[in-house]
Amino acid sequence: MNLDKILIPNRLAVRISKLAFETPDPSCELTWEEAFDFFRKEKRYFFSVELYLDLVVEHYYGYEYYIEVHLKDGSSIQSNEWFETYEEAREACLEKLISIKEGKYDGMLRKIDSDKVEGIRIKLLQECLNDPEKMSKIETKSISDGYHTFEELYEYRKLYNALLFNEWGIQLPENREAVEGVFTKNYVHKSWKHHDGEWCFGEPKKWFIVCAKLDSGIITNHYKAEDWDLFKIPETEKCIFEYDGHTPQDVLVRMKTEAERDNVIGEMIRNFKINETFRRKEIVRKHKEENGEI
């Protein structure tokens, strides 16, 4: 029996009839060959249903369909799935092709040609240079480097910041007040107000500042009120330290200096522990030697 001449399920035939004639035909009948030919005529559709080769055991087992469709925006979508029988794989493949034609891409891998992406970026840049108003409408948070959007990167920064400051907050002494104007290293705190007593960005309790005192200088960041509870550090009436004019670049240098310094200190501590271990072993050895134990 030629499997391609068998009629496809009516529910699939009706969906294809709607794609072809814009109106679903409940009486539509199509063979598998006719149904797949409908999509083969689309130059942007590539698909197959084949035996699945298990590379681990080097044995053919079951069937797999593969679909790749090139969209008009320059991107492509891909889908593949394994089934135990050919009939199951064939029906799943046809149903997925119909869904794609209907504009449903859920669960599919989407790829964008890098050359086309660059072309789109250049075109967008040129349009923005010619139309400043268009530039102002771009959602900066959605701009991506291909791996993360700006919005994701800011979220990462905020959470890394909270994790570090919360850890430093745990290390603070019981008495968190200043002693003769001197604060502990990495003293962290948060406040709704800047050092001059003004609300952050002039809005009462809409933004807050988090601050840490490093040996290399102070570092600060501002966050929205919704993130207040992320920072489990002391709250102060206003930021304790006066703004010293530091820029984002200054903060990077200060953090890098601190990180490199901490590495040196960490190495010193490790060396001290090693030397201390040897020293104690030597004391024990001499004690045993003096008492004739060795």
Protein backbone atom coordinates (compact mmCIF):
# COMPACT_ATOMS: atom_id res chain seq x y z
CA MET A 1 0.00 0.00 0.00
CA ASN A 2 1.26 3.47 -0.94
CA LEU A 3 1.09 5.43 2.32
CA ASP A 4 1.21 8.75 0.46
CA LYS A 5 -2.18 8.02 -1.15
CA ILE A 6 -3.98 7.59 2.16
CA LEU A 7 -6.25 10.45 3.25
CA ILE A 8 -5.01 12.68 6.04
CA PRO A 9 -7.20 13.23 9.15
CA ASN A 10 -10.15 15.49 8.39
CA ARG A 11 -9.21 18.01 11.11
CA LEU A 12 -5.90 18.64 9.31
CA ALA A 13 -7.52 18.80 5.87
CA VAL A 14 -9.98 21.45 7.10
CA ARG A 15 -7.13 23.60 8.46
CA ILE A 16 -5.24 23.35 5.16
CA SER A 17 -8.37 24.29 3.21
CA LYS A 18 -8.65 27.45 5.30
CA LEU A 19 -5.01 28.30 4.56
CA ALA A 20 -5.56 27.73 0.85
CA PHE A 21 -8.98 29.37 0.40
CA GLU A 22 -9.35 31.50 3.58
CA THR A 23 -12.53 29.60 4.40
CA PRO A 24 -12.48 26.17 6.09
CA ASP A 25 -14.12 23.37 4.10
CA PRO A 26 -15.46 20.61 6.40
CA SER A 27 -15.76 18.22 3.42
CA CYS A 28 -12.18 18.75 2.22
CA GLU A 29 -10.24 15.55 1.48
CA LEU A 30 -6.48 15.43 0.90
CA THR A 31 -3.97 12.64 0.63
CA TRP A 32 -0.66 12.83 2.49
CA GLU A 33 1.07 13.50 -0.82
CA GLU A 34 -1.26 16.40 -1.66
CA ALA A 35 -0.97 17.84 1.83
CA PHE A 36 2.82 17.89 1.86
CA ASP A 37 2.91 19.21 -1.74
CA PHE A 38 0.94 22.23 -0.49
CA PHE A 39 3.95 23.15 1.67
CA ARG A 40 6.62 22.06 -0.83
CA LYS A 41 5.37 24.78 -3.16
CA GLU A 42 6.44 27.28 -0.51
CA LYS A 43 10.09 27.97 -1.32
CA ARG A 44 10.83 28.91 2.27
CA TYR A 45 9.74 25.55 3.73
CA PHE A 46 12.17 22.63 4.14
CA PHE A 47 11.11 19.44 5.90
CA SER A 48 11.55 15.69 6.03
CA VAL A 49 10.47 12.58 7.96
CA GLU A 50 13.27 10.04 8.24
CA LEU A 51 14.58 7.09 10.20
CA TYR A 52 16.29 8.23 13.38
CA LEU A 53 19.90 7.13 13.82
CA ASP A 54 20.92 6.70 17.47
CA LEU A 55 24.61 7.61 17.36
CA VAL A 56 25.26 6.14 20.80
CA VAL A 57 24.35 2.58 19.84
CA GLU A 58 24.82 3.18 16.10
CA HIS A 59 21.40 1.82 15.34
CA TYR A 60 18.32 3.16 13.56
CA TYR A 61 15.44 3.45 15.98
CA GLY A 62 12.13 5.24 15.41
CA TYR A 63 11.49 8.24 13.18
CA GLU A 64 12.20 11.95 13.38
CA TYR A 65 10.77 14.88 11.53
CA TYR A 66 12.79 18.01 10.83
CA ILE A 67 11.40 21.37 9.76
CA GLU A 68 13.15 24.61 8.83
CA VAL A 69 11.23 27.63 7.63
CA HIS A 70 12.78 30.91 6.49
CA LEU A 71 10.63 33.87 7.48
CA LYS A 72 10.26 37.14 5.63
CA ASP A 73 12.10 39.12 8.32
CA GLY A 74 15.33 37.23 7.58
CA SER A 75 15.10 34.86 10.54
CA SER A 76 14.41 31.14 10.42
CA ILE A 77 12.61 28.73 12.73
CA GLN A 78 13.43 25.08 13.28
CA SER A 79 11.67 22.14 14.86
CA ASN A 80 12.39 18.43 15.19
CA GLU A 81 10.80 15.65 17.21
CA TRP A 82 11.22 11.88 17.58
CA PHE A 83 8.46 9.28 17.38
CA GLU A 84 8.37 5.54 17.58
CA THR A 85 6.45 5.05 14.33
CA TYR A 86 6.56 6.66 10.91
CA GLU A 87 2.83 7.42 11.02
CA GLU A 88 3.17 9.38 14.27
CA ALA A 89 6.16 11.38 12.99
CA ARG A 90 4.45 12.15 9.67
CA GLU A 91 1.25 13.42 11.31
CA ALA A 92 3.19 15.54 13.84
CA CYS A 93 5.27 17.02 11.01
CA LEU A 94 2.18 18.01 8.99
CA GLU A 95 0.47 19.49 12.04
CA LYS A 96 3.57 21.56 12.86
CA LEU A 97 3.78 22.82 9.24
CA ILE A 98 0.13 23.90 9.41
CA SER A 99 0.73 25.69 12.72
CA ILE A 100 3.71 27.55 11.26
CA LYS A 101 1.66 28.61 8.25
CA GLU A 102 -0.98 29.86 10.70
CA GLY A 103 1.71 31.95 12.41
CA LYS A 104 2.09 29.83 15.53
CA TYR A 105 5.79 29.39 16.37
CA ASP A 106 5.55 28.31 20.03
CA GLY A 107 8.26 25.90 21.12
CA MET A 108 10.34 26.38 17.98
CA LEU A 109 13.99 27.41 17.82
CA ARG A 110 14.40 30.77 16.10
CA LYS A 111 17.60 31.84 14.37
CA ILE A 112 18.61 35.09 12.71
CA ASP A 113 21.26 35.27 10.01
CA SER A 114 24.12 37.35 11.42
CA ASP A 115 24.67 39.24 8.15
CA LYS A 116 21.01 40.17 7.96
CA VAL A 117 21.00 41.21 11.61
CA GLU A 118 23.91 43.56 10.94
CA GLY A 119 22.07 44.95 7.93
CA ILE A 120 18.96 45.56 10.03
CA ARG A 121 21.05 47.32 12.70
CA ILE A 122 22.73 49.59 10.15
CA LYS A 123 19.38 50.43 8.56
CA LEU A 124 17.87 51.22 11.97
CA LEU A 125 20.86 53.39 12.91
CA GLN A 126 20.59 55.37 9.67
CA GLU A 127 16.86 55.90 10.21
CA CYS A 128 17.46 57.09 13.77
CA LEU A 129 20.20 59.50 12.70
CA ASN A 130 17.79 61.01 10.19
CA ASP A 131 14.87 61.04 12.62
CA PRO A 132 15.77 61.87 16.28
CA GLU A 133 12.13 61.38 17.27
CA LYS A 134 12.37 57.74 16.18
CA MET A 135 15.47 57.31 18.31
CA SER A 136 13.58 58.52 21.36
CA LYS A 137 10.92 55.84 20.83
CA ILE A 138 13.34 52.90 20.85
CA GLU A 139 12.96 50.68 23.89
CA THR A 140 16.56 50.64 25.10
CA LYS A 141 15.85 47.80 27.51
CA SER A 142 15.11 45.49 24.56
CA ILE A 143 18.42 46.15 22.74
CA SER A 144 20.52 42.98 22.80
CA ASP A 145 24.10 41.93 22.08
CA GLY A 146 22.78 38.59 20.88
CA TYR A 147 23.00 37.03 24.33
CA HIS A 148 21.39 39.44 26.80
CA THR A 149 19.19 42.51 26.57
CA PHE A 150 20.04 45.71 28.44
CA GLU A 151 17.13 44.95 30.76
CA GLU A 152 18.62 41.53 31.63
CA LEU A 153 22.09 42.98 32.20
CA TYR A 154 20.72 45.65 34.57
CA GLU A 155 18.84 42.92 36.45
CA TYR A 156 22.06 40.89 36.76
CA ARG A 157 23.93 43.97 38.03
CA LYS A 158 21.25 44.71 40.62
CA LEU A 159 21.21 41.15 41.99
CA TYR A 160 25.02 40.86 42.08
CA ASN A 161 25.06 44.20 43.90
CA ALA A 162 22.48 43.00 46.44
CA LEU A 163 24.28 39.69 47.05
CA LEU A 164 27.62 41.44 47.70
CA PHE A 165 26.24 44.25 49.88
CA ASN A 166 24.13 41.81 51.90
CA GLU A 167 27.25 39.72 52.57
CA TRP A 168 29.18 42.82 53.65
CA GLY A 169 26.22 43.80 55.80
CA ILE A 170 26.46 40.52 57.72
CA GLN A 171 30.12 41.27 58.46
CA LEU A 172 29.33 44.61 60.14
CA PRO A 173 29.99 44.80 63.92
CA GLU A 174 27.18 44.96 66.47
CA ASN A 175 27.69 48.71 66.91
CA ARG A 176 27.11 50.04 63.41
CA GLU A 177 27.50 53.68 64.39
CA ALA A 178 30.59 55.67 63.52
CA VAL A 179 33.32 55.80 66.14
CA GLU A 180 35.06 59.17 65.99
CA GLY A 181 34.02 59.46 62.35
CA VAL A 182 35.69 56.20 61.33
CA PHE A 183 33.62 53.45 59.74
CA THR A 184 34.46 49.80 59.27
CA LYS A 185 35.82 48.65 55.91
CA ASN A 186 33.08 47.92 53.37
CA TYR A 187 30.52 49.73 55.54
CA VAL A 188 27.25 49.39 53.63
CA HIS A 189 23.92 51.14 54.07
CA LYS A 190 20.87 52.31 52.14
CA SER A 191 18.80 55.47 52.28
CA TRP A 192 16.00 57.29 50.52
CA LYS A 193 18.04 60.49 50.70
CA HIS A 194 21.42 61.68 49.49
CA HIS A 195 24.04 63.06 51.88
CA ASP A 196 22.66 66.59 51.42
CA GLY A 197 19.27 65.43 52.77
CA GLU A 198 17.51 65.64 49.39
CA TRP A 199 15.31 62.77 48.19
CA CYS A 200 16.96 60.65 45.51
CA PHE A 201 16.13 62.23 42.15
CA GLY A 202 13.79 64.63 43.97
CA GLU A 203 11.00 62.07 44.46
CA PRO A 204 10.05 60.96 48.01
CA LYS A 205 10.59 57.22 48.41
CA LYS A 206 10.56 56.49 44.67
CA TRP A 207 14.31 55.81 44.45
CA PHE A 208 16.96 54.91 47.01
CA ILE A 209 20.73 54.84 47.15
CA VAL A 210 22.99 51.99 48.31
CA CYS A 211 26.52 52.86 49.34
CA ALA A 212 29.68 51.06 50.42
CA LYS A 213 32.96 52.47 51.76
CA LEU A 214 36.01 50.75 50.27
CA ASP A 215 39.68 51.49 50.90
CA SER A 216 39.79 52.82 47.34
CA GLY A 217 36.74 55.10 47.82
CA ILE A 218 32.98 54.95 48.06
CA ILE A 219 30.78 53.15 45.51
CA THR A 220 27.07 53.82 45.02
CA ASN A 221 24.08 52.74 42.97
CA HIS A 222 20.46 53.83 42.75
CA TYR A 223 17.45 51.52 42.53
CA LYS A 224 13.66 51.83 42.41
CA ALA A 225 11.55 51.53 45.58
CA GLU A 226 10.32 48.09 44.51
CA ASP A 227 13.86 46.72 45.09
CA TRP A 228 14.24 48.12 48.63
CA ASP A 229 13.82 44.76 50.37
CA LEU A 230 16.47 43.11 48.18
CA PHE A 231 19.13 44.98 50.12
CA LYS A 232 19.13 43.62 53.68
CA ILE A 233 21.57 46.22 54.98
CA PRO A 234 21.34 49.03 57.56
CA GLU A 235 18.98 51.89 56.72
CA THR A 236 20.07 55.45 57.48
CA GLU A 237 18.22 58.76 57.48
CA LYS A 238 20.45 59.94 54.64
CA CYS A 239 23.51 58.64 52.82
CA ILE A 240 26.36 58.86 55.33
CA PHE A 241 29.09 59.71 52.84
CA GLU A 242 29.21 62.88 50.81
CA TYR A 243 29.27 62.45 47.04
CA ASP A 244 32.91 62.68 45.95
CA GLY A 245 32.20 63.25 42.26
CA HIS A 246 32.90 59.65 41.26
CA THR A 247 31.86 58.54 37.78
CA PRO A 248 30.81 55.03 36.66
CA GLN A 249 34.37 54.57 35.39
CA ASP A 250 35.75 55.56 38.81
CA VAL A 251 33.54 52.92 40.44
CA LEU A 252 34.86 50.26 38.05
CA VAL A 253 38.45 51.19 38.93
CA ARG A 254 37.69 51.16 42.67
CA MET A 255 36.00 47.75 42.52
CA LYS A 256 38.80 46.29 40.41
CA THR A 257 41.41 47.68 42.80
CA GLU A 258 39.54 46.14 45.74
CA ALA A 259 39.16 42.79 43.98
CA GLU A 260 42.86 42.62 43.14
CA ARG A 261 43.77 43.68 46.67
CA ASP A 262 41.49 41.01 48.16
CA ASN A 263 43.24 38.41 46.01
CA VAL A 264 46.60 39.46 47.45
CA ILE A 265 45.21 39.36 50.99
CA GLY A 266 43.67 35.96 50.32
CA GLU A 267 47.02 34.63 49.17
CA MET A 268 48.72 36.06 52.25
CA ILE A 269 46.16 34.38 54.50
CA ARG A 270 46.62 31.05 52.75
CA ASN A 271 50.41 31.30 53.08
CA PHE A 272 50.07 32.21 56.75
CA LYS A 273 47.85 29.18 57.39
CA ILE A 274 50.33 26.88 55.63
CA ASN A 275 53.28 28.30 57.60
CA GLU A 276 51.32 28.12 60.85
CA THR A 277 50.50 24.47 60.19
CA PHE A 278 54.15 23.63 59.63
CA ARG A 279 55.16 25.63 62.74
CA ARG A 280 52.72 23.74 64.95
CA LYS A 281 53.81 20.39 63.55
CA GLU A 282 57.42 21.29 64.32
CA ILE A 283 56.52 22.22 67.92
CA VAL A 284 54.75 18.88 68.36
CA ARG A 285 57.70 17.00 66.83
CA LYS A 286 60.21 18.68 69.17
CA HIS A 287 57.98 18.02 72.17
CA LYS A 288 57.79 14.32 71.33
CA GLU A 289 61.53 14.23 70.69
CA GLU A 290 62.29 15.78 74.09
CA ASN A 291 60.04 13.26 75.80
CA GLY A 292 61.60 10.33 73.97
CA GLU A 293 58.42 9.54 72.11
CA ILE A 294 60.27 9.47 68.79
